[in-house]
Amino acid sequence: MLKHELRKKYKNLREGLSLSEISDYSILLANHALQIPIWDFFYFHIFLSIEENREVDTLPIMTLLQGKDKHVVIPKVSGENAMENYLLTDNTAFKKNKWNIPEPVDGIKIPENQIDVVFVPLLAFDLKGNRVGYGKGYYDTFLRKCGTETITVGLSFFEAEEQIMNMTKNDVRLNYCITPKRVYKF
């Protein structure tokens, strides 16, 4: 399928999920994250969920990271196709942006090349590790700035598509994707 078709399909599938399913699936994703060999790293970037879009609730993964004394890094949109990354601390204050994404107001900036693992939002992904997001390019731009050794982990309520047809050279592939049923490795 094409990206625009997948965006429509998976937005509709998310709308069909109950709040209870979203909560249960999000906890399963956190539990499955324990199967991935990422726990010797220190800096973990994770997005904060847009509840209105019925996204994966990342709070269970954040709780897991904090329980393992990892440095949690939260993104903030800083311009067109650009994000800054802030260390999550006890004093971090949040404010929703124009897309209803909770973002840090300010704090300690963490450079992209310091981030070891990135939990990546998505709408769909395929068996090769290609992903489809909302189409704005923020994560592809951000991931190209990260180190070549940075591990990317997608989070999805749904299983992989066979193939996404219209990928470009600017699209960054995932290393892993976690679903409620399994962990995909690419």
C-alpha atoms as a PDB file:
ATOM      1  CA  MET A   1       0.000   0.000   0.000  1.00  0.00           C
ATOM      2  CA  LEU A   2       0.985   3.634  -0.380  1.00  0.00           C
ATOM      3  CA  LYS A   3       1.789   5.872   2.589  1.00  0.00           C
ATOM      4  CA  HIS A   4      -1.349   8.007   2.300  1.00  0.00           C
ATOM      5  CA  GLU A   5      -3.522   4.869   2.159  1.00  0.00           C
ATOM      6  CA  LEU A   6      -1.801   3.438   5.229  1.00  0.00           C
ATOM      7  CA  ARG A   7      -2.227   6.699   7.185  1.00  0.00           C
ATOM      8  CA  LYS A   8      -5.961   6.614   6.558  1.00  0.00           C
ATOM      9  CA  LYS A   9      -6.272   2.883   7.309  1.00  0.00           C
ATOM     10  CA  TYR A  10      -4.368   2.998  10.609  1.00  0.00           C
ATOM     11  CA  LYS A  11      -5.959   6.197  11.873  1.00  0.00           C
ATOM     12  CA  ASN A  12      -9.317   4.456  11.377  1.00  0.00           C
ATOM     13  CA  LEU A  13      -8.087   1.268  13.084  1.00  0.00           C
ATOM     14  CA  ARG A  14      -6.883   3.302  16.080  1.00  0.00           C
ATOM     15  CA  GLU A  15     -10.285   4.996  16.316  1.00  0.00           C
ATOM     16  CA  GLY A  16     -11.790   1.536  16.732  1.00  0.00           C
ATOM     17  CA  LEU A  17      -9.703   0.782  19.827  1.00  0.00           C
ATOM     18  CA  SER A  18     -11.260   1.227  23.244  1.00  0.00           C
ATOM     19  CA  LEU A  19      -9.392   3.123  25.964  1.00  0.00           C
ATOM     20  CA  SER A  20      -9.055  -0.185  27.801  1.00  0.00           C
ATOM     21  CA  GLU A  21      -7.437  -1.829  24.759  1.00  0.00           C
ATOM     22  CA  ILE A  22      -5.030   1.097  24.359  1.00  0.00           C
ATOM     23  CA  SER A  23      -4.014   0.784  28.001  1.00  0.00           C
ATOM     24  CA  ASP A  24      -3.633  -3.007  27.873  1.00  0.00           C
ATOM     25  CA  TYR A  25      -1.696  -2.953  24.581  1.00  0.00           C
ATOM     26  CA  SER A  26       0.610  -0.183  25.841  1.00  0.00           C
ATOM     27  CA  ILE A  27       1.525  -2.295  28.881  1.00  0.00           C
ATOM     28  CA  LEU A  28       2.210  -5.287  26.606  1.00  0.00           C
ATOM     29  CA  LEU A  29       4.527  -3.123  24.488  1.00  0.00           C
ATOM     30  CA  ALA A  30       6.477  -2.113  27.595  1.00  0.00           C
ATOM     31  CA  ASN A  31       6.795  -5.749  28.650  1.00  0.00           C
ATOM     32  CA  HIS A  32       7.976  -6.749  25.151  1.00  0.00           C
ATOM     33  CA  ALA A  33      10.585  -3.965  25.235  1.00  0.00           C
ATOM     34  CA  LEU A  34      12.422  -6.052  27.822  1.00  0.00           C
ATOM     35  CA  GLN A  35      13.206  -8.606  25.067  1.00  0.00           C
ATOM     36  CA  ILE A  36      15.274  -6.137  23.024  1.00  0.00           C
ATOM     37  CA  PRO A  37      19.033  -5.878  23.770  1.00  0.00           C
ATOM     38  CA  ILE A  38      18.992  -2.163  24.638  1.00  0.00           C
ATOM     39  CA  TRP A  39      19.322  -2.202  28.399  1.00  0.00           C
ATOM     40  CA  ASP A  40      23.066  -1.562  28.589  1.00  0.00           C
ATOM     41  CA  PHE A  41      22.567   1.908  27.061  1.00  0.00           C
ATOM     42  CA  PHE A  42      21.941   5.140  28.956  1.00  0.00           C
ATOM     43  CA  TYR A  43      20.098   7.791  26.886  1.00  0.00           C
ATOM     44  CA  PHE A  44      16.607   6.853  25.707  1.00  0.00           C
ATOM     45  CA  HIS A  45      14.493   9.212  23.596  1.00  0.00           C
ATOM     46  CA  ILE A  46      10.748   8.637  23.902  1.00  0.00           C
ATOM     47  CA  PHE A  47       7.803  10.584  22.540  1.00  0.00           C
ATOM     48  CA  LEU A  48       4.875  11.636  24.689  1.00  0.00           C
ATOM     49  CA  SER A  49       1.534  10.396  23.398  1.00  0.00           C
ATOM     50  CA  ILE A  50      -1.182  12.446  21.750  1.00  0.00           C
ATOM     51  CA  GLU A  51      -4.169  11.027  23.614  1.00  0.00           C
ATOM     52  CA  GLU A  52      -6.642  12.521  21.130  1.00  0.00           C
ATOM     53  CA  ASN A  53      -4.995  10.476  18.343  1.00  0.00           C
ATOM     54  CA  ARG A  54      -5.241   7.263  20.355  1.00  0.00           C
ATOM     55  CA  GLU A  55      -1.474   6.777  20.246  1.00  0.00           C
ATOM     56  CA  VAL A  56       0.494   4.232  22.222  1.00  0.00           C
ATOM     57  CA  ASP A  57       0.639   5.346  25.854  1.00  0.00           C
ATOM     58  CA  THR A  58       4.383   5.653  26.467  1.00  0.00           C
ATOM     59  CA  LEU A  59       4.053   6.074  30.249  1.00  0.00           C
ATOM     60  CA  PRO A  60       4.603   2.319  30.954  1.00  0.00           C
ATOM     61  CA  ILE A  61       7.860   2.402  28.964  1.00  0.00           C
ATOM     62  CA  MET A  62       8.944   5.629  30.672  1.00  0.00           C
ATOM     63  CA  THR A  63       8.268   4.019  34.057  1.00  0.00           C
ATOM     64  CA  LEU A  64      10.345   1.007  33.005  1.00  0.00           C
ATOM     65  CA  LEU A  65      13.212   3.272  31.882  1.00  0.00           C
ATOM     66  CA  GLN A  66      13.169   5.278  35.099  1.00  0.00           C
ATOM     67  CA  GLY A  67      13.062   2.077  37.154  1.00  0.00           C
ATOM     68  CA  LYS A  68      16.243   0.973  35.385  1.00  0.00           C
ATOM     69  CA  ASP A  69      17.911   4.369  36.078  1.00  0.00           C
ATOM     70  CA  LYS A  70      18.070   5.349  32.412  1.00  0.00           C
ATOM     71  CA  HIS A  71      18.263   8.941  31.180  1.00  0.00           C
ATOM     72  CA  VAL A  72      14.894   9.691  29.559  1.00  0.00           C
ATOM     73  CA  VAL A  73      14.957  12.288  26.790  1.00  0.00           C
ATOM     74  CA  ILE A  74      11.760  14.003  25.585  1.00  0.00           C
ATOM     75  CA  PRO A  75      11.375  15.796  22.214  1.00  0.00           C
ATOM     76  CA  LYS A  76      10.140  19.323  21.588  1.00  0.00           C
ATOM     77  CA  VAL A  77       9.303  20.743  18.166  1.00  0.00           C
ATOM     78  CA  SER A  78      11.685  23.652  17.559  1.00  0.00           C
ATOM     79  CA  GLY A  79      10.910  24.618  13.977  1.00  0.00           C
ATOM     80  CA  GLU A  80       9.909  23.178  10.644  1.00  0.00           C
ATOM     81  CA  ASN A  81      11.023  19.524  10.584  1.00  0.00           C
ATOM     82  CA  ALA A  82      13.200  20.155  13.654  1.00  0.00           C
ATOM     83  CA  MET A  83      13.125  18.873  17.221  1.00  0.00           C
ATOM     84  CA  GLU A  84      15.183  19.553  20.319  1.00  0.00           C
ATOM     85  CA  ASN A  85      15.636  16.948  23.034  1.00  0.00           C
ATOM     86  CA  TYR A  86      15.401  17.580  26.762  1.00  0.00           C
ATOM     87  CA  LEU A  87      16.400  15.425  29.691  1.00  0.00           C
ATOM     88  CA  LEU A  88      13.387  14.446  31.801  1.00  0.00           C
ATOM     89  CA  THR A  89      13.891  15.519  35.417  1.00  0.00           C
ATOM     90  CA  ASP A  90      11.662  15.899  38.463  1.00  0.00           C
ATOM     91  CA  ASN A  91      11.379  19.603  37.593  1.00  0.00           C
ATOM     92  CA  THR A  92      10.393  19.204  33.934  1.00  0.00           C
ATOM     93  CA  ALA A  93       7.233  21.185  33.158  1.00  0.00           C
ATOM     94  CA  PHE A  94       5.113  20.326  30.112  1.00  0.00           C
ATOM     95  CA  LYS A  95       2.852  22.274  27.784  1.00  0.00           C
ATOM     96  CA  LYS A  96       0.856  20.947  24.812  1.00  0.00           C
ATOM     97  CA  ASN A  97       1.846  22.300  21.406  1.00  0.00           C
ATOM     98  CA  LYS A  98      -0.489  23.041  18.466  1.00  0.00           C
ATOM     99  CA  TRP A  99      -0.792  19.295  17.711  1.00  0.00           C
ATOM    100  CA  ASN A 100      -1.641  18.489  21.361  1.00  0.00           C
ATOM    101  CA  ILE A 101       1.770  16.899  21.923  1.00  0.00           C
ATOM    102  CA  PRO A 102       2.974  17.412  25.512  1.00  0.00           C
ATOM    103  CA  GLU A 103       6.426  18.998  25.345  1.00  0.00           C
ATOM    104  CA  PRO A 104       9.013  20.149  27.893  1.00  0.00           C
ATOM    105  CA  VAL A 105       8.845  23.902  28.437  1.00  0.00           C
ATOM    106  CA  ASP A 106      12.624  24.055  28.926  1.00  0.00           C
ATOM    107  CA  GLY A 107      15.406  22.113  30.597  1.00  0.00           C
ATOM    108  CA  ILE A 108      18.703  20.421  29.880  1.00  0.00           C
ATOM    109  CA  LYS A 109      19.220  19.927  26.134  1.00  0.00           C
ATOM    110  CA  ILE A 110      20.670  16.622  24.993  1.00  0.00           C
ATOM    111  CA  PRO A 111      22.413  16.518  21.580  1.00  0.00           C
ATOM    112  CA  GLU A 112      21.212  13.941  19.067  1.00  0.00           C
ATOM    113  CA  ASN A 113      24.569  12.160  18.951  1.00  0.00           C
ATOM    114  CA  GLN A 114      24.310  11.391  22.681  1.00  0.00           C
ATOM    115  CA  ILE A 115      21.045   9.449  22.314  1.00  0.00           C
ATOM    116  CA  ASP A 116      21.471   5.663  22.309  1.00  0.00           C
ATOM    117  CA  VAL A 117      17.919   4.426  21.729  1.00  0.00           C
ATOM    118  CA  VAL A 118      14.905   6.128  20.143  1.00  0.00           C
ATOM    119  CA  PHE A 119      11.330   4.917  20.630  1.00  0.00           C
ATOM    120  CA  VAL A 120       9.691   6.067  17.407  1.00  0.00           C
ATOM    121  CA  PRO A 121       5.998   6.899  16.918  1.00  0.00           C
ATOM    122  CA  LEU A 122       4.324   5.527  13.809  1.00  0.00           C
ATOM    123  CA  LEU A 123       1.026   4.729  12.179  1.00  0.00           C
ATOM    124  CA  ALA A 124       2.201   1.671  10.209  1.00  0.00           C
ATOM    125  CA  PHE A 125       5.348  -0.289   9.382  1.00  0.00           C
ATOM    126  CA  ASP A 126       6.370  -3.088   7.054  1.00  0.00           C
ATOM    127  CA  LEU A 127       8.411  -6.281   7.209  1.00  0.00           C
ATOM    128  CA  LYS A 128      11.578  -4.415   6.136  1.00  0.00           C
ATOM    129  CA  GLY A 129      11.429  -1.893   8.988  1.00  0.00           C
ATOM    130  CA  ASN A 130      10.025   0.986   6.955  1.00  0.00           C
ATOM    131  CA  ARG A 131       7.586   3.178   8.861  1.00  0.00           C
ATOM    132  CA  VAL A 132       4.805   5.618   8.115  1.00  0.00           C
ATOM    133  CA  GLY A 133       4.226   8.511  10.496  1.00  0.00           C
ATOM    134  CA  TYR A 134       1.996  11.534  10.133  1.00  0.00           C
ATOM    135  CA  GLY A 135       3.990  12.745   7.130  1.00  0.00           C
ATOM    136  CA  LYS A 136       5.652  15.874   8.511  1.00  0.00           C
ATOM    137  CA  GLY A 137       9.184  14.412   8.486  1.00  0.00           C
ATOM    138  CA  TYR A 138      10.147  15.358  12.054  1.00  0.00           C
ATOM    139  CA  TYR A 139      11.388  11.917  13.051  1.00  0.00           C
ATOM    140  CA  ASP A 140      13.197  11.177   9.792  1.00  0.00           C
ATOM    141  CA  THR A 141      15.052  14.500  10.096  1.00  0.00           C
ATOM    142  CA  PHE A 142      15.837  13.843  13.768  1.00  0.00           C
ATOM    143  CA  LEU A 143      16.984  10.243  13.200  1.00  0.00           C
ATOM    144  CA  ARG A 144      19.388  11.295  10.430  1.00  0.00           C
ATOM    145  CA  LYS A 145      21.080  13.591  13.016  1.00  0.00           C
ATOM    146  CA  CYS A 146      21.518  10.776  15.543  1.00  0.00           C
ATOM    147  CA  GLY A 147      24.629   8.641  15.607  1.00  0.00           C
ATOM    148  CA  THR A 148      24.904   5.718  13.205  1.00  0.00           C
ATOM    149  CA  GLU A 149      24.813   3.353  16.191  1.00  0.00           C
ATOM    150  CA  THR A 150      21.524   4.747  17.554  1.00  0.00           C
ATOM    151  CA  ILE A 151      18.913   1.993  17.864  1.00  0.00           C
ATOM    152  CA  THR A 152      15.402   2.777  16.623  1.00  0.00           C
ATOM    153  CA  VAL A 153      12.385   1.005  18.113  1.00  0.00           C
ATOM    154  CA  GLY A 154       8.915   1.527  16.657  1.00  0.00           C
ATOM    155  CA  LEU A 155       5.788   1.162  18.780  1.00  0.00           C
ATOM    156  CA  SER A 156       2.614  -0.123  17.118  1.00  0.00           C
ATOM    157  CA  PHE A 157      -0.752  -1.500  18.165  1.00  0.00           C
ATOM    158  CA  PHE A 158      -0.918  -3.406  14.864  1.00  0.00           C
ATOM    159  CA  GLU A 159       1.176  -5.973  13.014  1.00  0.00           C
ATOM    160  CA  ALA A 160       3.440  -5.296  10.014  1.00  0.00           C
ATOM    161  CA  GLU A 161       2.238  -4.616   6.504  1.00  0.00           C
ATOM    162  CA  GLU A 162       3.883  -6.699   3.792  1.00  0.00           C
ATOM    163  CA  GLN A 163       5.420  -3.663   2.054  1.00  0.00           C
ATOM    164  CA  ILE A 164       5.094   0.114   1.995  1.00  0.00           C
ATOM    165  CA  MET A 165       5.259   1.022  -1.672  1.00  0.00           C
ATOM    166  CA  ASN A 166       6.466   4.617  -1.887  1.00  0.00           C
ATOM    167  CA  MET A 167       9.433   4.883   0.462  1.00  0.00           C
ATOM    168  CA  THR A 168      12.100   7.513  -0.302  1.00  0.00           C
ATOM    169  CA  LYS A 169      15.814   7.908   0.436  1.00  0.00           C
ATOM    170  CA  ASN A 170      14.912  10.313   3.274  1.00  0.00           C
ATOM    171  CA  ASP A 171      12.892   7.679   5.151  1.00  0.00           C
ATOM    172  CA  VAL A 172      14.820   6.124   8.045  1.00  0.00           C
ATOM    173  CA  ARG A 173      14.216   2.439   8.771  1.00  0.00           C
ATOM    174  CA  LEU A 174      13.622   0.934  12.193  1.00  0.00           C
ATOM    175  CA  ASN A 175      15.884  -1.586  13.906  1.00  0.00           C
ATOM    176  CA  TYR A 176      12.955  -3.071  15.855  1.00  0.00           C
ATOM    177  CA  CYS A 177       9.215  -2.668  16.152  1.00  0.00           C
ATOM    178  CA  ILE A 178       7.164  -3.785  19.141  1.00  0.00           C
ATOM    179  CA  THR A 179       3.519  -4.805  18.851  1.00  0.00           C
ATOM    180  CA  PRO A 180       1.214  -6.365  21.457  1.00  0.00           C
ATOM    181  CA  LYS A 181       1.882  -9.793  19.889  1.00  0.00           C
ATOM    182  CA  ARG A 182       5.625  -9.736  19.180  1.00  0.00           C
ATOM    183  CA  VAL A 183       8.924  -7.956  18.583  1.00  0.00           C
ATOM    184  CA  TYR A 184      10.084  -7.537  14.992  1.00  0.00           C
ATOM    185  CA  LYS A 185      13.824  -7.269  14.293  1.00  0.00           C
ATOM    186  CA  PHE A 186      15.030  -5.750  11.021  1.00  0.00           C
END
